[in-house]
N, C-alpha and C. Protein backbone atom coordinates (compact mmCIF):
# COMPACT_ATOMS: atom_id res chain seq x y z
N MET A 1 148.86 -59.33 40.05
CA MET A 1 148.78 -58.84 41.40
C MET A 1 147.33 -58.54 41.74
N THR A 2 146.88 -59.00 42.86
CA THR A 2 145.50 -58.78 43.30
C THR A 2 145.37 -57.40 43.92
N PRO A 3 144.34 -56.62 43.48
CA PRO A 3 144.17 -55.30 44.07
C PRO A 3 143.73 -55.42 45.52
N PRO A 4 143.98 -54.39 46.32
CA PRO A 4 143.53 -54.43 47.70
C PRO A 4 142.02 -54.44 47.76
N PRO A 5 141.44 -54.98 48.84
CA PRO A 5 139.98 -54.99 48.93
C PRO A 5 139.45 -53.56 48.93
N SER A 6 138.29 -53.41 48.31
CA SER A 6 137.70 -52.09 48.25
C SER A 6 137.06 -51.75 49.59
N PRO A 7 136.96 -50.45 49.89
CA PRO A 7 136.36 -50.06 51.15
C PRO A 7 134.87 -50.35 51.16
N PRO A 8 134.27 -50.50 52.32
CA PRO A 8 132.83 -50.76 52.37
C PRO A 8 132.05 -49.53 51.90
N PRO A 9 130.81 -49.72 51.47
CA PRO A 9 130.01 -48.59 51.05
C PRO A 9 129.89 -47.56 52.17
N ARG A 10 129.73 -46.29 51.78
CA ARG A 10 129.65 -45.21 52.76
C ARG A 10 128.27 -45.07 53.37
N VAL A 11 127.29 -45.81 52.91
CA VAL A 11 125.94 -45.66 53.41
C VAL A 11 125.66 -46.68 54.50
N VAL A 12 124.73 -46.33 55.36
CA VAL A 12 124.23 -47.30 56.34
C VAL A 12 123.16 -48.09 55.62
N VAL A 13 123.32 -49.38 55.55
CA VAL A 13 122.41 -50.21 54.76
C VAL A 13 121.15 -50.53 55.56
N ALA A 14 120.02 -50.17 55.00
CA ALA A 14 118.72 -50.51 55.56
C ALA A 14 118.07 -51.46 54.58
N ARG A 15 118.49 -52.71 54.62
CA ARG A 15 118.07 -53.68 53.61
C ARG A 15 116.55 -53.79 53.49
N GLY A 16 116.12 -53.81 52.24
CA GLY A 16 114.71 -53.98 51.95
C GLY A 16 113.92 -52.69 51.97
N ALA A 17 114.57 -51.55 51.90
CA ALA A 17 113.86 -50.27 51.96
C ALA A 17 113.75 -49.59 50.60
N ALA A 18 114.06 -50.29 49.52
CA ALA A 18 113.95 -49.69 48.19
C ALA A 18 112.51 -49.24 47.94
N PRO A 19 112.33 -48.09 47.32
CA PRO A 19 110.98 -47.55 47.12
C PRO A 19 110.25 -48.21 45.95
N THR A 20 109.89 -49.46 46.14
CA THR A 20 109.12 -50.19 45.14
C THR A 20 108.05 -51.00 45.85
N THR A 21 106.97 -51.24 45.17
CA THR A 21 105.89 -52.06 45.73
C THR A 21 106.13 -53.54 45.48
N ASN A 22 107.19 -53.88 44.75
CA ASN A 22 107.46 -55.27 44.39
C ASN A 22 108.40 -55.92 45.40
N ALA A 23 107.87 -56.86 46.17
CA ALA A 23 108.66 -57.54 47.21
C ALA A 23 109.81 -58.34 46.62
N ASP A 24 109.63 -58.93 45.44
CA ASP A 24 110.70 -59.70 44.81
C ASP A 24 111.86 -58.79 44.39
N LEU A 25 111.55 -57.61 43.88
CA LEU A 25 112.61 -56.67 43.51
C LEU A 25 113.34 -56.19 44.76
N ARG A 26 112.60 -55.87 45.83
CA ARG A 26 113.25 -55.48 47.09
C ARG A 26 114.16 -56.59 47.59
N ALA A 27 113.69 -57.84 47.50
CA ALA A 27 114.51 -58.98 47.94
C ALA A 27 115.76 -59.12 47.08
N ARG A 28 115.66 -58.93 45.77
CA ARG A 28 116.84 -59.03 44.90
C ARG A 28 117.84 -57.92 45.24
N LEU A 29 117.36 -56.72 45.48
CA LEU A 29 118.26 -55.62 45.85
C LEU A 29 118.96 -55.90 47.18
N ALA A 30 118.25 -56.47 48.14
CA ALA A 30 118.86 -56.85 49.42
C ALA A 30 119.90 -57.96 49.20
N GLU A 31 119.58 -58.91 48.32
CA GLU A 31 120.53 -59.99 48.01
C GLU A 31 121.79 -59.43 47.36
N LEU A 32 121.62 -58.52 46.40
CA LEU A 32 122.77 -57.91 45.75
C LEU A 32 123.62 -57.12 46.74
N THR A 33 122.96 -56.42 47.66
CA THR A 33 123.68 -55.66 48.68
C THR A 33 124.48 -56.60 49.58
N THR A 34 123.88 -57.71 49.97
CA THR A 34 124.57 -58.68 50.82
C THR A 34 125.79 -59.25 50.09
N LEU A 35 125.63 -59.62 48.83
CA LEU A 35 126.76 -60.13 48.04
C LEU A 35 127.86 -59.07 47.93
N ALA A 36 127.46 -57.83 47.71
CA ALA A 36 128.44 -56.75 47.59
C ALA A 36 129.19 -56.53 48.89
N LEU A 37 128.48 -56.53 50.00
CA LEU A 37 129.13 -56.31 51.30
C LEU A 37 130.08 -57.45 51.65
N ARG A 38 129.82 -58.64 51.12
CA ARG A 38 130.72 -59.78 51.32
C ARG A 38 131.88 -59.78 50.33
N ASP A 39 131.91 -58.81 49.44
CA ASP A 39 132.90 -58.74 48.37
C ASP A 39 132.85 -59.97 47.47
N ASP A 40 131.65 -60.52 47.29
CA ASP A 40 131.44 -61.67 46.42
C ASP A 40 131.14 -61.15 45.02
N ILE A 41 132.18 -60.76 44.30
CA ILE A 41 131.99 -60.15 42.98
C ILE A 41 131.39 -61.15 42.00
N ASP A 42 131.87 -62.39 42.03
CA ASP A 42 131.32 -63.41 41.11
C ASP A 42 129.83 -63.62 41.36
N GLY A 43 129.45 -63.77 42.63
CA GLY A 43 128.04 -63.96 42.97
C GLY A 43 127.20 -62.76 42.60
N PHE A 44 127.74 -61.57 42.84
CA PHE A 44 127.03 -60.33 42.51
C PHE A 44 126.77 -60.26 41.01
N VAL A 45 127.80 -60.45 40.21
CA VAL A 45 127.65 -60.33 38.76
C VAL A 45 126.67 -61.38 38.23
N ALA A 46 126.72 -62.58 38.78
CA ALA A 46 125.81 -63.65 38.33
C ALA A 46 124.34 -63.27 38.53
N LYS A 47 124.04 -62.49 39.57
CA LYS A 47 122.66 -62.09 39.86
C LYS A 47 122.30 -60.72 39.30
N PHE A 48 123.31 -59.95 38.86
CA PHE A 48 123.10 -58.57 38.45
C PHE A 48 122.94 -58.40 36.94
N ILE A 49 123.77 -59.10 36.15
CA ILE A 49 123.77 -58.86 34.70
C ILE A 49 122.51 -59.42 34.05
N PRO A 50 122.09 -58.82 32.94
CA PRO A 50 120.94 -59.35 32.21
C PRO A 50 121.19 -60.78 31.75
N ARG A 51 120.14 -61.55 31.67
CA ARG A 51 120.28 -62.96 31.25
C ARG A 51 120.93 -63.11 29.89
N ASP A 52 120.63 -62.18 28.99
CA ASP A 52 121.18 -62.32 27.63
C ASP A 52 122.69 -62.05 27.58
N LEU A 53 123.28 -61.60 28.68
CA LEU A 53 124.73 -61.41 28.73
C LEU A 53 125.46 -62.56 29.40
N GLU A 54 124.73 -63.48 30.01
CA GLU A 54 125.39 -64.60 30.70
C GLU A 54 126.31 -65.35 29.75
N GLY A 55 127.55 -65.55 30.18
CA GLY A 55 128.53 -66.29 29.39
C GLY A 55 129.14 -65.52 28.24
N SER A 56 128.80 -64.24 28.11
CA SER A 56 129.30 -63.45 26.98
C SER A 56 130.63 -62.78 27.31
N ASP A 57 131.27 -62.27 26.27
CA ASP A 57 132.49 -61.49 26.46
C ASP A 57 132.21 -60.24 27.28
N ASP A 58 131.04 -59.62 27.06
CA ASP A 58 130.67 -58.42 27.83
C ASP A 58 130.59 -58.74 29.32
N ALA A 59 130.00 -59.87 29.66
CA ALA A 59 129.91 -60.26 31.07
C ALA A 59 131.29 -60.50 31.66
N ALA A 60 132.15 -61.17 30.90
CA ALA A 60 133.51 -61.44 31.37
C ALA A 60 134.28 -60.14 31.56
N HIS A 61 134.10 -59.20 30.65
CA HIS A 61 134.78 -57.91 30.76
C HIS A 61 134.27 -57.14 31.98
N PHE A 62 132.96 -57.14 32.21
CA PHE A 62 132.38 -56.45 33.37
C PHE A 62 132.93 -57.06 34.66
N LEU A 63 132.93 -58.38 34.75
CA LEU A 63 133.45 -59.07 35.93
C LEU A 63 134.92 -58.73 36.16
N ALA A 64 135.70 -58.79 35.11
CA ALA A 64 137.14 -58.48 35.23
C ALA A 64 137.35 -57.04 35.67
N SER A 65 136.54 -56.12 35.14
CA SER A 65 136.72 -54.71 35.51
C SER A 65 136.41 -54.48 36.98
N LEU A 66 135.44 -55.20 37.52
CA LEU A 66 135.12 -55.06 38.95
C LEU A 66 136.22 -55.66 39.82
N LYS A 67 136.84 -56.73 39.34
CA LYS A 67 137.90 -57.39 40.11
C LYS A 67 139.23 -56.63 40.07
N THR A 68 139.48 -55.91 39.00
CA THR A 68 140.79 -55.25 38.85
C THR A 68 140.74 -53.77 39.15
N ARG A 69 139.57 -53.19 39.14
CA ARG A 69 139.45 -51.75 39.41
C ARG A 69 138.62 -51.56 40.68
N GLY A 70 139.31 -51.51 41.80
CA GLY A 70 138.63 -51.40 43.09
C GLY A 70 137.69 -50.23 43.20
N GLU A 71 138.03 -49.10 42.56
CA GLU A 71 137.16 -47.93 42.64
C GLU A 71 135.84 -48.17 41.91
N ARG A 72 135.89 -48.95 40.82
CA ARG A 72 134.64 -49.26 40.09
C ARG A 72 133.75 -50.18 40.93
N TRP A 73 134.35 -51.18 41.54
CA TRP A 73 133.60 -52.09 42.40
C TRP A 73 133.00 -51.32 43.58
N ALA A 74 133.76 -50.41 44.17
CA ALA A 74 133.25 -49.61 45.29
C ALA A 74 132.05 -48.77 44.85
N MET A 75 132.11 -48.21 43.65
CA MET A 75 131.00 -47.40 43.16
C MET A 75 129.75 -48.25 42.93
N VAL A 76 129.91 -49.41 42.29
CA VAL A 76 128.77 -50.28 42.03
C VAL A 76 128.15 -50.74 43.35
N ARG A 77 129.00 -51.13 44.31
CA ARG A 77 128.50 -51.55 45.62
C ARG A 77 127.70 -50.43 46.29
N GLU A 78 128.22 -49.23 46.23
CA GLU A 78 127.52 -48.11 46.87
C GLU A 78 126.20 -47.80 46.17
N GLU A 79 126.18 -47.88 44.84
CA GLU A 79 124.94 -47.63 44.11
C GLU A 79 123.85 -48.59 44.54
N ILE A 80 124.17 -49.88 44.60
CA ILE A 80 123.17 -50.87 44.99
C ILE A 80 122.73 -50.64 46.44
N ALA A 81 123.69 -50.33 47.32
CA ALA A 81 123.36 -50.08 48.73
C ALA A 81 122.46 -48.86 48.88
N LEU A 82 122.68 -47.82 48.08
CA LEU A 82 121.83 -46.63 48.13
C LEU A 82 120.40 -46.97 47.74
N ILE A 83 120.24 -47.75 46.67
CA ILE A 83 118.90 -48.14 46.24
C ILE A 83 118.25 -49.00 47.30
N ASP A 84 118.98 -50.00 47.80
CA ASP A 84 118.45 -50.91 48.81
C ASP A 84 118.07 -50.17 50.09
N ALA A 85 118.79 -49.11 50.42
CA ALA A 85 118.51 -48.33 51.62
C ALA A 85 117.37 -47.34 51.42
N GLY A 86 116.86 -47.25 50.19
CA GLY A 86 115.75 -46.33 49.93
C GLY A 86 116.18 -44.90 49.69
N ARG A 87 117.46 -44.69 49.44
CA ARG A 87 117.97 -43.33 49.22
C ARG A 87 117.96 -43.01 47.73
N CYS A 88 116.79 -43.17 47.11
CA CYS A 88 116.61 -42.96 45.69
C CYS A 88 115.14 -42.70 45.42
N VAL A 89 114.82 -42.42 44.17
CA VAL A 89 113.42 -42.27 43.76
C VAL A 89 113.18 -43.16 42.56
N VAL A 90 111.95 -43.62 42.41
CA VAL A 90 111.56 -44.39 41.24
C VAL A 90 111.18 -43.39 40.17
N ILE A 91 111.74 -43.53 38.99
CA ILE A 91 111.43 -42.58 37.93
C ILE A 91 110.61 -43.18 36.81
N SER A 92 110.60 -44.50 36.71
CA SER A 92 109.78 -45.13 35.67
C SER A 92 109.61 -46.60 35.98
N GLY A 93 108.66 -47.20 35.30
CA GLY A 93 108.43 -48.64 35.42
C GLY A 93 107.13 -48.95 36.12
N ASP A 94 106.67 -50.17 35.87
CA ASP A 94 105.40 -50.61 36.45
C ASP A 94 105.58 -51.45 37.70
N HIS A 95 106.82 -51.70 38.13
CA HIS A 95 107.17 -52.49 39.32
C HIS A 95 106.81 -53.97 39.16
N VAL A 96 106.41 -54.36 37.95
CA VAL A 96 106.10 -55.76 37.66
C VAL A 96 107.10 -56.30 36.64
N THR A 97 107.35 -55.52 35.60
CA THR A 97 108.30 -55.94 34.57
C THR A 97 109.56 -55.07 34.55
N THR A 98 109.43 -53.79 34.89
CA THR A 98 110.58 -52.88 34.91
C THR A 98 110.46 -51.89 36.06
N CYS A 99 111.60 -51.36 36.47
CA CYS A 99 111.63 -50.31 37.48
C CYS A 99 112.98 -49.61 37.41
N ALA A 100 112.98 -48.30 37.28
CA ALA A 100 114.21 -47.52 37.22
C ALA A 100 114.30 -46.61 38.44
N PHE A 101 115.50 -46.55 39.02
CA PHE A 101 115.75 -45.74 40.20
C PHE A 101 116.74 -44.64 39.85
N ARG A 102 116.54 -43.46 40.42
CA ARG A 102 117.49 -42.36 40.26
C ARG A 102 117.96 -41.95 41.66
N PHE A 103 119.25 -41.61 41.74
CA PHE A 103 119.83 -41.23 43.02
C PHE A 103 121.05 -40.36 42.79
N ASP A 104 121.45 -39.64 43.83
CA ASP A 104 122.66 -38.83 43.79
C ASP A 104 123.81 -39.65 44.32
N MET A 105 124.91 -39.66 43.59
CA MET A 105 126.11 -40.39 43.97
C MET A 105 127.14 -39.37 44.44
N PRO A 106 127.29 -39.18 45.75
CA PRO A 106 128.22 -38.17 46.26
C PRO A 106 129.65 -38.68 46.31
N GLY A 107 130.56 -37.75 46.59
CA GLY A 107 131.92 -38.14 46.92
C GLY A 107 132.91 -38.19 45.78
N PHE A 108 132.62 -37.56 44.67
CA PHE A 108 133.55 -37.55 43.56
C PHE A 108 134.19 -36.18 43.44
N GLU A 109 135.39 -36.16 42.95
CA GLU A 109 136.09 -34.90 42.73
C GLU A 109 135.74 -34.37 41.35
N SER A 110 135.42 -33.07 41.27
CA SER A 110 135.14 -32.47 39.98
C SER A 110 136.46 -32.16 39.28
N GLU A 111 136.39 -31.90 37.98
CA GLU A 111 137.58 -31.58 37.21
C GLU A 111 138.21 -30.28 37.69
N ARG A 112 137.42 -29.41 38.27
CA ARG A 112 137.92 -28.12 38.76
C ARG A 112 138.34 -28.19 40.22
N GLY A 113 138.28 -29.37 40.80
CA GLY A 113 138.61 -29.51 42.22
C GLY A 113 137.35 -29.41 43.07
N GLY A 114 137.38 -30.03 44.22
CA GLY A 114 136.22 -30.01 45.11
C GLY A 114 135.28 -31.15 44.82
N ALA A 115 134.41 -31.41 45.76
CA ALA A 115 133.47 -32.52 45.65
C ALA A 115 132.32 -32.17 44.71
N CYS A 116 131.79 -33.18 44.06
CA CYS A 116 130.61 -33.00 43.23
C CYS A 116 129.68 -34.19 43.44
N VAL A 117 128.46 -34.01 43.00
CA VAL A 117 127.45 -35.07 43.11
C VAL A 117 127.03 -35.45 41.69
N ILE A 118 126.99 -36.74 41.44
CA ILE A 118 126.62 -37.24 40.12
C ILE A 118 125.22 -37.83 40.19
N ASP A 119 124.36 -37.44 39.25
CA ASP A 119 123.01 -37.96 39.14
C ASP A 119 123.09 -39.30 38.41
N ARG A 120 122.69 -40.39 39.07
CA ARG A 120 122.81 -41.74 38.50
C ARG A 120 121.43 -42.38 38.36
N GLU A 121 121.36 -43.33 37.46
CA GLU A 121 120.12 -44.06 37.22
C GLU A 121 120.46 -45.52 36.97
N VAL A 122 119.68 -46.42 37.58
CA VAL A 122 119.83 -47.85 37.36
C VAL A 122 118.45 -48.42 37.10
N GLU A 123 118.33 -49.15 36.01
CA GLU A 123 117.05 -49.77 35.65
C GLU A 123 117.13 -51.28 35.83
N PHE A 124 116.06 -51.85 36.37
CA PHE A 124 115.96 -53.29 36.54
C PHE A 124 114.79 -53.81 35.75
N MET A 125 114.94 -55.05 35.27
CA MET A 125 113.89 -55.72 34.51
C MET A 125 113.70 -57.11 35.09
N ASN A 126 112.46 -57.55 35.11
CA ASN A 126 112.15 -58.90 35.58
C ASN A 126 112.29 -59.86 34.38
N TYR A 127 113.35 -60.67 34.40
CA TYR A 127 113.64 -61.59 33.31
C TYR A 127 112.98 -62.96 33.51
N ALA A 128 112.08 -63.07 34.46
CA ALA A 128 111.44 -64.36 34.74
C ALA A 128 110.75 -64.90 33.49
N GLU A 129 110.88 -66.21 33.33
CA GLU A 129 110.22 -66.89 32.22
C GLU A 129 109.07 -67.70 32.78
N ASP A 130 108.33 -68.35 31.92
CA ASP A 130 107.16 -69.13 32.34
C ASP A 130 107.51 -70.04 33.51
N GLY A 131 106.72 -69.95 34.57
CA GLY A 131 106.90 -70.80 35.73
C GLY A 131 107.83 -70.24 36.78
N GLU A 132 108.60 -69.22 36.46
CA GLU A 132 109.49 -68.60 37.44
C GLU A 132 108.75 -67.48 38.16
N ARG A 133 109.06 -67.33 39.43
CA ARG A 133 108.42 -66.27 40.20
C ARG A 133 108.97 -64.89 39.79
N ALA A 134 110.27 -64.73 39.85
CA ALA A 134 110.89 -63.45 39.49
C ALA A 134 112.39 -63.64 39.30
N ASP A 135 112.96 -62.82 38.43
CA ASP A 135 114.41 -62.79 38.25
C ASP A 135 114.81 -61.38 37.85
N TRP A 136 114.84 -60.48 38.83
CA TRP A 136 115.15 -59.08 38.60
C TRP A 136 116.66 -58.91 38.39
N ARG A 137 117.01 -58.21 37.29
CA ARG A 137 118.41 -57.96 36.96
C ARG A 137 118.52 -56.57 36.33
N ALA A 138 119.73 -56.05 36.31
CA ALA A 138 119.96 -54.75 35.69
C ALA A 138 119.72 -54.84 34.19
N VAL A 139 119.37 -53.71 33.62
CA VAL A 139 119.16 -53.61 32.18
C VAL A 139 120.43 -53.02 31.57
N GLY A 140 120.83 -53.58 30.42
CA GLY A 140 121.97 -53.03 29.68
C GLY A 140 123.23 -53.33 30.29
C-alpha cells in the first residue's frame, strides 16, 4: 500500500539563500529543495547521498525509508528547505570542500507532552573529481 503524500514543508522557501559563499553549494541546495517540493524522492536521494553510497544497501534502505515513512520524508524535506531558505547558521567548513549547517527543527512533541525544538546539523561535502565543477552531497 502506498502511503499518502507527505505535507509540504512548513517554511516559506527562499531558494538560494543558504548562508554560504559557495554558489555551487547554494545551487545544489536549491535543486534539492525543488526535488523535495515535487515529491521526487528518487531524484532527491540520487543528488543527496554521498557518492560512496550509490548503489549500496544503505542507499536502498534510505530511499525505502523515505518512501514508506511519510513523516521521515517530511522532516528531510523541511530540513533542506530551512537550509535553502537561510534559516540556519554555518558551524564549520571552508565552503570549498565541506560546509556544515545547524538549525532548529520545530514542531515535534516532547515525551512529556507539548512542542519542542530539536537542534539539527547537516554537513555537505564537495565530491567533485578531476574535471568536475562541483558535486555537493550530504556526508554520512
